[in-house]
């Protein structure tokens, strides 16, 4: 099985790379600053440039494509940026990046291939605070796009959305204990989701696929 993954150097991407690689999957990983045996990809490029990178990395195509690339608006000084500057970053990377990669990879996905996008478990229900409203706006857009895109590319390609709660990646480690506690108390699950749990859920989705268009919660 050949799986393409954007955002491979992020917390979830690293967990996917480790788990899937250990289980014999051929991972084609992409990142803005790739590591060894990975490929450079900036999802803010235009769609034709993204399509070219995707095709060059795996001329024989892909069985599964996972869009994990996302903007970090919460770690360190990023958290202090103006609201609309952070929203623009999320829109450019999370929303437009997901849409462009989803469209660009279709010619390279094998028949009955899988496309998996990532949202947030509270994108539609909402949560208090600027961070929640920023993520809610971006991830709700991904949900809306994915629902329509699933109907547009079926039955050749199956489209899914993974919607985890707050994931304990690098940005979580930058928070104070008080900030962590407040975020979790406001969340639906009342607990942090580990990147390894997200990777395991992705593995299960691929090997026991639900109907196309399904949104899978991880919380």
C-alpha atoms as a PDB file:
ATOM      1  CA  UNK A   1       0.000   0.000   0.000  1.00  0.00           C
ATOM      2  CA  UNK A   2       1.254   3.465  -0.917  1.00  0.00           C
ATOM      3  CA  UNK A   3       0.064   6.369   1.240  1.00  0.00           C
ATOM      4  CA  UNK A   4       0.741  10.059   0.574  1.00  0.00           C
ATOM      5  CA  UNK A   5       0.764  12.316   3.627  1.00  0.00           C
ATOM      6  CA  UNK A   6       1.111  16.098   3.800  1.00  0.00           C
ATOM      7  CA  UNK A   7       2.341  17.663   7.031  1.00  0.00           C
ATOM      8  CA  UNK A   8       4.501  14.597   7.659  1.00  0.00           C
ATOM      9  CA  UNK A   9       6.823  16.468  10.046  1.00  0.00           C
ATOM     10  CA  UNK A  10       4.003  17.617  12.348  1.00  0.00           C
ATOM     11  CA  UNK A  11       2.949  15.765  15.480  1.00  0.00           C
ATOM     12  CA  UNK A  12       0.231  13.676  13.839  1.00  0.00           C
ATOM     13  CA  UNK A  13       2.312  13.243  10.679  1.00  0.00           C
ATOM     14  CA  UNK A  14       5.225  11.829  12.650  1.00  0.00           C
ATOM     15  CA  UNK A  15       2.911   9.419  14.468  1.00  0.00           C
ATOM     16  CA  UNK A  16       1.423   8.255  11.152  1.00  0.00           C
ATOM     17  CA  UNK A  17       4.881   7.874   9.614  1.00  0.00           C
ATOM     18  CA  UNK A  18       6.091   5.773  12.538  1.00  0.00           C
ATOM     19  CA  UNK A  19       3.001   3.565  12.869  1.00  0.00           C
ATOM     20  CA  UNK A  20       2.372   2.978   9.175  1.00  0.00           C
ATOM     21  CA  UNK A  21       6.065   2.488   8.414  1.00  0.00           C
ATOM     22  CA  UNK A  22       6.358  -0.085  11.187  1.00  0.00           C
ATOM     23  CA  UNK A  23       3.457  -1.971   9.619  1.00  0.00           C
ATOM     24  CA  UNK A  24       5.016  -2.116   6.177  1.00  0.00           C
ATOM     25  CA  UNK A  25       3.246   0.754   4.410  1.00  0.00           C
ATOM     26  CA  UNK A  26       5.102   2.713   1.738  1.00  0.00           C
ATOM     27  CA  UNK A  27       4.793   6.292   3.038  1.00  0.00           C
ATOM     28  CA  UNK A  28       5.317   9.202   0.648  1.00  0.00           C
ATOM     29  CA  UNK A  29       5.657  12.117   3.048  1.00  0.00           C
ATOM     30  CA  UNK A  30       5.478  15.809   2.186  1.00  0.00           C
ATOM     31  CA  UNK A  31       6.360  18.883   4.224  1.00  0.00           C
ATOM     32  CA  UNK A  32       7.429  22.472   3.775  1.00  0.00           C
ATOM     33  CA  UNK A  33      10.741  21.504   5.388  1.00  0.00           C
ATOM     34  CA  UNK A  34      10.989  17.761   4.723  1.00  0.00           C
ATOM     35  CA  UNK A  35      13.203  15.310   6.510  1.00  0.00           C
ATOM     36  CA  UNK A  36      15.262  12.505   4.926  1.00  0.00           C
ATOM     37  CA  UNK A  37      13.396  10.499   2.266  1.00  0.00           C
ATOM     38  CA  UNK A  38      10.558  13.040   2.265  1.00  0.00           C
ATOM     39  CA  UNK A  39       9.442  15.527  -0.366  1.00  0.00           C
ATOM     40  CA  UNK A  40       9.155  19.331  -0.294  1.00  0.00           C
ATOM     41  CA  UNK A  41       5.630  20.676  -0.632  1.00  0.00           C
ATOM     42  CA  UNK A  42       4.227  24.058   0.315  1.00  0.00           C
ATOM     43  CA  UNK A  43       0.443  23.708   0.195  1.00  0.00           C
ATOM     44  CA  UNK A  44       0.082  27.451  -0.372  1.00  0.00           C
ATOM     45  CA  UNK A  45       1.496  27.018  -3.899  1.00  0.00           C
ATOM     46  CA  UNK A  46      -0.951  27.026  -6.793  1.00  0.00           C
ATOM     47  CA  UNK A  47      -2.775  23.825  -7.687  1.00  0.00           C
ATOM     48  CA  UNK A  48      -0.770  22.974 -10.858  1.00  0.00           C
ATOM     49  CA  UNK A  49       2.512  23.223  -8.914  1.00  0.00           C
ATOM     50  CA  UNK A  50       1.128  21.002  -6.157  1.00  0.00           C
ATOM     51  CA  UNK A  51      -0.105  18.479  -8.723  1.00  0.00           C
ATOM     52  CA  UNK A  52       3.343  18.342 -10.301  1.00  0.00           C
ATOM     53  CA  UNK A  53       5.029  17.671  -6.942  1.00  0.00           C
ATOM     54  CA  UNK A  54       2.511  14.950  -6.105  1.00  0.00           C
ATOM     55  CA  UNK A  55       3.014  13.218  -9.443  1.00  0.00           C
ATOM     56  CA  UNK A  56       6.805  13.426  -9.374  1.00  0.00           C
ATOM     57  CA  UNK A  57       6.996  11.912  -5.896  1.00  0.00           C
ATOM     58  CA  UNK A  58       5.066   8.783  -6.883  1.00  0.00           C
ATOM     59  CA  UNK A  59       4.661   8.249 -10.652  1.00  0.00           C
ATOM     60  CA  UNK A  60       2.790   4.993  -9.962  1.00  0.00           C
ATOM     61  CA  UNK A  61       0.144   6.795  -7.940  1.00  0.00           C
ATOM     62  CA  UNK A  62      -1.306   6.388  -4.463  1.00  0.00           C
ATOM     63  CA  UNK A  63      -3.783   4.120  -2.713  1.00  0.00           C
ATOM     64  CA  UNK A  64      -4.499   6.622   0.070  1.00  0.00           C
ATOM     65  CA  UNK A  65      -3.914  10.355   0.476  1.00  0.00           C
ATOM     66  CA  UNK A  66      -4.050  12.061   3.896  1.00  0.00           C
ATOM     67  CA  UNK A  67      -4.090  15.857   4.210  1.00  0.00           C
ATOM     68  CA  UNK A  68      -2.468  16.682   7.561  1.00  0.00           C
ATOM     69  CA  UNK A  69      -0.738  19.973   6.712  1.00  0.00           C
ATOM     70  CA  UNK A  70      -1.926  22.724   9.031  1.00  0.00           C
ATOM     71  CA  UNK A  71      -0.883  26.162  10.244  1.00  0.00           C
ATOM     72  CA  UNK A  72       0.487  26.553  13.762  1.00  0.00           C
ATOM     73  CA  UNK A  73      -1.314  29.561  15.229  1.00  0.00           C
ATOM     74  CA  UNK A  74      -0.970  28.592  18.887  1.00  0.00           C
ATOM     75  CA  UNK A  75       2.699  27.877  19.668  1.00  0.00           C
ATOM     76  CA  UNK A  76       4.966  30.540  21.135  1.00  0.00           C
ATOM     77  CA  UNK A  77       4.774  33.934  19.468  1.00  0.00           C
ATOM     78  CA  UNK A  78       2.231  32.677  16.927  1.00  0.00           C
ATOM     79  CA  UNK A  79      -0.373  32.886  19.656  1.00  0.00           C
ATOM     80  CA  UNK A  80       0.283  36.632  19.999  1.00  0.00           C
ATOM     81  CA  UNK A  81      -0.357  37.475  16.349  1.00  0.00           C
ATOM     82  CA  UNK A  82      -3.484  39.520  15.527  1.00  0.00           C
ATOM     83  CA  UNK A  83      -6.697  37.536  15.179  1.00  0.00           C
ATOM     84  CA  UNK A  84      -7.173  38.113  11.453  1.00  0.00           C
ATOM     85  CA  UNK A  85      -3.534  37.376  10.666  1.00  0.00           C
ATOM     86  CA  UNK A  86      -3.918  33.983  12.310  1.00  0.00           C
ATOM     87  CA  UNK A  87      -7.211  33.411  10.520  1.00  0.00           C
ATOM     88  CA  UNK A  88      -5.546  34.147   7.178  1.00  0.00           C
ATOM     89  CA  UNK A  89      -2.793  31.616   7.941  1.00  0.00           C
ATOM     90  CA  UNK A  90      -5.382  28.976   8.785  1.00  0.00           C
ATOM     91  CA  UNK A  91      -7.349  29.779   5.658  1.00  0.00           C
ATOM     92  CA  UNK A  92      -4.301  29.619   3.380  1.00  0.00           C
ATOM     93  CA  UNK A  93      -2.846  26.408   4.819  1.00  0.00           C
ATOM     94  CA  UNK A  94      -5.648  24.378   6.383  1.00  0.00           C
ATOM     95  CA  UNK A  95      -8.545  25.298   4.111  1.00  0.00           C
ATOM     96  CA  UNK A  96      -7.094  26.238   0.729  1.00  0.00           C
ATOM     97  CA  UNK A  97      -4.196  23.811   1.193  1.00  0.00           C
ATOM     98  CA  UNK A  98      -6.600  20.943   1.834  1.00  0.00           C
ATOM     99  CA  UNK A  99      -8.781  21.892  -1.125  1.00  0.00           C
ATOM    100  CA  UNK A 100      -5.861  22.270  -3.535  1.00  0.00           C
ATOM    101  CA  UNK A 101      -4.212  19.005  -2.476  1.00  0.00           C
ATOM    102  CA  UNK A 102      -7.536  17.144  -2.626  1.00  0.00           C
ATOM    103  CA  UNK A 103      -8.168  18.321  -6.167  1.00  0.00           C
ATOM    104  CA  UNK A 104      -4.566  17.863  -7.294  1.00  0.00           C
ATOM    105  CA  UNK A 105      -4.200  14.271  -6.088  1.00  0.00           C
ATOM    106  CA  UNK A 106      -7.319  12.850  -7.772  1.00  0.00           C
ATOM    107  CA  UNK A 107      -5.566  11.941 -11.066  1.00  0.00           C
ATOM    108  CA  UNK A 108      -2.948  10.019  -9.072  1.00  0.00           C
ATOM    109  CA  UNK A 109      -5.278   8.085  -6.773  1.00  0.00           C
ATOM    110  CA  UNK A 110      -5.996   4.528  -7.849  1.00  0.00           C
ATOM    111  CA  UNK A 111      -9.592   3.426  -8.419  1.00  0.00           C
ATOM    112  CA  UNK A 112     -11.403   3.008  -5.074  1.00  0.00           C
ATOM    113  CA  UNK A 113      -8.591   5.048  -3.520  1.00  0.00           C
ATOM    114  CA  UNK A 114      -9.122   6.980  -0.309  1.00  0.00           C
ATOM    115  CA  UNK A 115      -8.778  10.680   0.467  1.00  0.00           C
ATOM    116  CA  UNK A 116      -8.783  11.705   4.145  1.00  0.00           C
ATOM    117  CA  UNK A 117      -9.027  15.301   5.342  1.00  0.00           C
ATOM    118  CA  UNK A 118      -8.777  16.580   8.909  1.00  0.00           C
ATOM    119  CA  UNK A 119     -11.237  18.819  10.765  1.00  0.00           C
ATOM    120  CA  UNK A 120     -12.021  19.287  14.480  1.00  0.00           C
ATOM    121  CA  UNK A 121     -14.610  17.629  16.699  1.00  0.00           C
ATOM    122  CA  UNK A 122     -16.091  20.981  17.766  1.00  0.00           C
ATOM    123  CA  UNK A 123     -16.057  22.684  14.366  1.00  0.00           C
ATOM    124  CA  UNK A 124     -19.854  22.689  14.180  1.00  0.00           C
ATOM    125  CA  UNK A 125     -20.852  22.612  17.855  1.00  0.00           C
ATOM    126  CA  UNK A 126     -18.508  25.464  18.806  1.00  0.00           C
ATOM    127  CA  UNK A 127     -16.409  26.300  21.866  1.00  0.00           C
ATOM    128  CA  UNK A 128     -15.541  29.589  23.628  1.00  0.00           C
ATOM    129  CA  UNK A 129     -12.450  31.659  22.904  1.00  0.00           C
ATOM    130  CA  UNK A 130     -10.486  33.047  19.979  1.00  0.00           C
ATOM    131  CA  UNK A 131      -8.583  29.817  19.320  1.00  0.00           C
ATOM    132  CA  UNK A 132     -11.818  27.871  19.077  1.00  0.00           C
ATOM    133  CA  UNK A 133     -13.467  30.387  16.767  1.00  0.00           C
ATOM    134  CA  UNK A 134     -10.407  30.402  14.511  1.00  0.00           C
ATOM    135  CA  UNK A 135     -10.198  26.627  14.280  1.00  0.00           C
ATOM    136  CA  UNK A 136     -13.963  26.282  14.088  1.00  0.00           C
ATOM    137  CA  UNK A 137     -14.111  28.584  11.069  1.00  0.00           C
ATOM    138  CA  UNK A 138     -11.349  26.765   9.187  1.00  0.00           C
ATOM    139  CA  UNK A 139     -12.351  23.222  10.060  1.00  0.00           C
ATOM    140  CA  UNK A 140     -16.052  23.797   9.334  1.00  0.00           C
ATOM    141  CA  UNK A 141     -14.991  24.910   5.860  1.00  0.00           C
ATOM    142  CA  UNK A 142     -13.084  21.645   5.429  1.00  0.00           C
ATOM    143  CA  UNK A 143     -16.156  19.676   6.506  1.00  0.00           C
ATOM    144  CA  UNK A 144     -18.311  21.495   3.963  1.00  0.00           C
ATOM    145  CA  UNK A 145     -15.830  21.057   1.136  1.00  0.00           C
ATOM    146  CA  UNK A 146     -15.262  17.371   1.900  1.00  0.00           C
ATOM    147  CA  UNK A 147     -18.988  16.574   1.958  1.00  0.00           C
ATOM    148  CA  UNK A 148     -19.488  18.007  -1.518  1.00  0.00           C
ATOM    149  CA  UNK A 149     -16.195  16.666  -2.870  1.00  0.00           C
ATOM    150  CA  UNK A 150     -17.106  13.148  -1.730  1.00  0.00           C
ATOM    151  CA  UNK A 151     -20.221  13.270  -3.899  1.00  0.00           C
ATOM    152  CA  UNK A 152     -18.276  14.730  -6.812  1.00  0.00           C
ATOM    153  CA  UNK A 153     -15.597  12.009  -7.041  1.00  0.00           C
ATOM    154  CA  UNK A 154     -17.604   8.925  -6.077  1.00  0.00           C
ATOM    155  CA  UNK A 155     -17.576   6.029  -6.840  1.00  0.00           C
ATOM    156  CA  UNK A 156     -13.957   6.145  -8.047  1.00  0.00           C
ATOM    157  CA  UNK A 157     -12.598   7.818  -4.905  1.00  0.00           C
ATOM    158  CA  UNK A 158     -13.817   7.591  -1.311  1.00  0.00           C
ATOM    159  CA  UNK A 159     -13.544  10.728   0.819  1.00  0.00           C
ATOM    160  CA  UNK A 160     -13.471  10.889   4.623  1.00  0.00           C
ATOM    161  CA  UNK A 161     -12.921  13.445   7.358  1.00  0.00           C
ATOM    162  CA  UNK A 162     -11.121  12.737  10.615  1.00  0.00           C
ATOM    163  CA  UNK A 163     -12.236  15.100  13.398  1.00  0.00           C
ATOM    164  CA  UNK A 164     -10.086  14.818  16.532  1.00  0.00           C
ATOM    165  CA  UNK A 165     -10.384  16.921  19.654  1.00  0.00           C
ATOM    166  CA  UNK A 166      -7.437  18.959  20.931  1.00  0.00           C
ATOM    167  CA  UNK A 167      -4.335  16.939  20.008  1.00  0.00           C
ATOM    168  CA  UNK A 168      -1.272  16.950  22.278  1.00  0.00           C
ATOM    169  CA  UNK A 169       1.259  18.081  19.678  1.00  0.00           C
ATOM    170  CA  UNK A 170       4.001  20.728  19.936  1.00  0.00           C
ATOM    171  CA  UNK A 171       1.627  23.629  20.600  1.00  0.00           C
ATOM    172  CA  UNK A 172       0.126  21.814  23.594  1.00  0.00           C
ATOM    173  CA  UNK A 173       3.575  21.519  25.173  1.00  0.00           C
ATOM    174  CA  UNK A 174       3.956  25.298  24.930  1.00  0.00           C
ATOM    175  CA  UNK A 175       0.899  25.912  27.131  1.00  0.00           C
ATOM    176  CA  UNK A 176       0.894  26.412  30.876  1.00  0.00           C
ATOM    177  CA  UNK A 177      -0.888  23.838  33.010  1.00  0.00           C
ATOM    178  CA  UNK A 178      -3.635  26.394  33.627  1.00  0.00           C
ATOM    179  CA  UNK A 179      -4.118  26.952  29.897  1.00  0.00           C
ATOM    180  CA  UNK A 180      -4.188  23.210  29.242  1.00  0.00           C
ATOM    181  CA  UNK A 181      -6.760  22.657  31.963  1.00  0.00           C
ATOM    182  CA  UNK A 182      -8.994  25.471  30.731  1.00  0.00           C
ATOM    183  CA  UNK A 183      -8.940  24.215  27.140  1.00  0.00           C
ATOM    184  CA  UNK A 184      -9.778  20.672  28.144  1.00  0.00           C
ATOM    185  CA  UNK A 185     -12.595  21.711  30.464  1.00  0.00           C
ATOM    186  CA  UNK A 186     -14.148  23.594  27.546  1.00  0.00           C
ATOM    187  CA  UNK A 187     -13.767  20.636  25.176  1.00  0.00           C
ATOM    188  CA  UNK A 188     -16.372  17.991  24.453  1.00  0.00           C
ATOM    189  CA  UNK A 189     -14.112  15.057  25.342  1.00  0.00           C
ATOM    190  CA  UNK A 190     -12.545  16.585  28.505  1.00  0.00           C
ATOM    191  CA  UNK A 191      -9.193  15.013  27.597  1.00  0.00           C
ATOM    192  CA  UNK A 192      -6.234  15.448  25.275  1.00  0.00           C
ATOM    193  CA  UNK A 193      -6.001  13.254  22.198  1.00  0.00           C
ATOM    194  CA  UNK A 194      -2.563  11.738  21.607  1.00  0.00           C
ATOM    195  CA  UNK A 195      -1.095  11.790  18.065  1.00  0.00           C
ATOM    196  CA  UNK A 196      -0.702   8.008  18.264  1.00  0.00           C
ATOM    197  CA  UNK A 197      -4.456   7.659  18.834  1.00  0.00           C
ATOM    198  CA  UNK A 198      -5.124   9.680  15.685  1.00  0.00           C
ATOM    199  CA  UNK A 199      -2.687   7.500  13.727  1.00  0.00           C
ATOM    200  CA  UNK A 200      -4.394   4.319  14.956  1.00  0.00           C
ATOM    201  CA  UNK A 201      -7.797   5.695  13.952  1.00  0.00           C
ATOM    202  CA  UNK A 202      -6.482   6.504  10.481  1.00  0.00           C
ATOM    203  CA  UNK A 203      -5.141   2.957  10.227  1.00  0.00           C
ATOM    204  CA  UNK A 204      -8.525   1.537  11.201  1.00  0.00           C
ATOM    205  CA  UNK A 205     -10.345   3.787   8.710  1.00  0.00           C
ATOM    206  CA  UNK A 206      -8.128   2.598   5.883  1.00  0.00           C
ATOM    207  CA  UNK A 207      -8.472  -1.088   6.718  1.00  0.00           C
ATOM    208  CA  UNK A 208     -12.153  -1.011   7.726  1.00  0.00           C
ATOM    209  CA  UNK A 209     -13.486   1.837   5.570  1.00  0.00           C
ATOM    210  CA  UNK A 210     -16.880   3.316   6.433  1.00  0.00           C
ATOM    211  CA  UNK A 211     -19.199   4.698   3.716  1.00  0.00           C
ATOM    212  CA  UNK A 212     -17.686   7.526   1.689  1.00  0.00           C
ATOM    213  CA  UNK A 213     -18.406  10.925   3.205  1.00  0.00           C
ATOM    214  CA  UNK A 214     -18.179   9.682   6.799  1.00  0.00           C
ATOM    215  CA  UNK A 215     -16.825  12.038   9.473  1.00  0.00           C
ATOM    216  CA  UNK A 216     -14.891  10.064  12.103  1.00  0.00           C
ATOM    217  CA  UNK A 217     -14.524  11.585  15.573  1.00  0.00           C
ATOM    218  CA  UNK A 218     -11.432  10.979  17.723  1.00  0.00           C
ATOM    219  CA  UNK A 219     -11.999  12.142  21.302  1.00  0.00           C
END
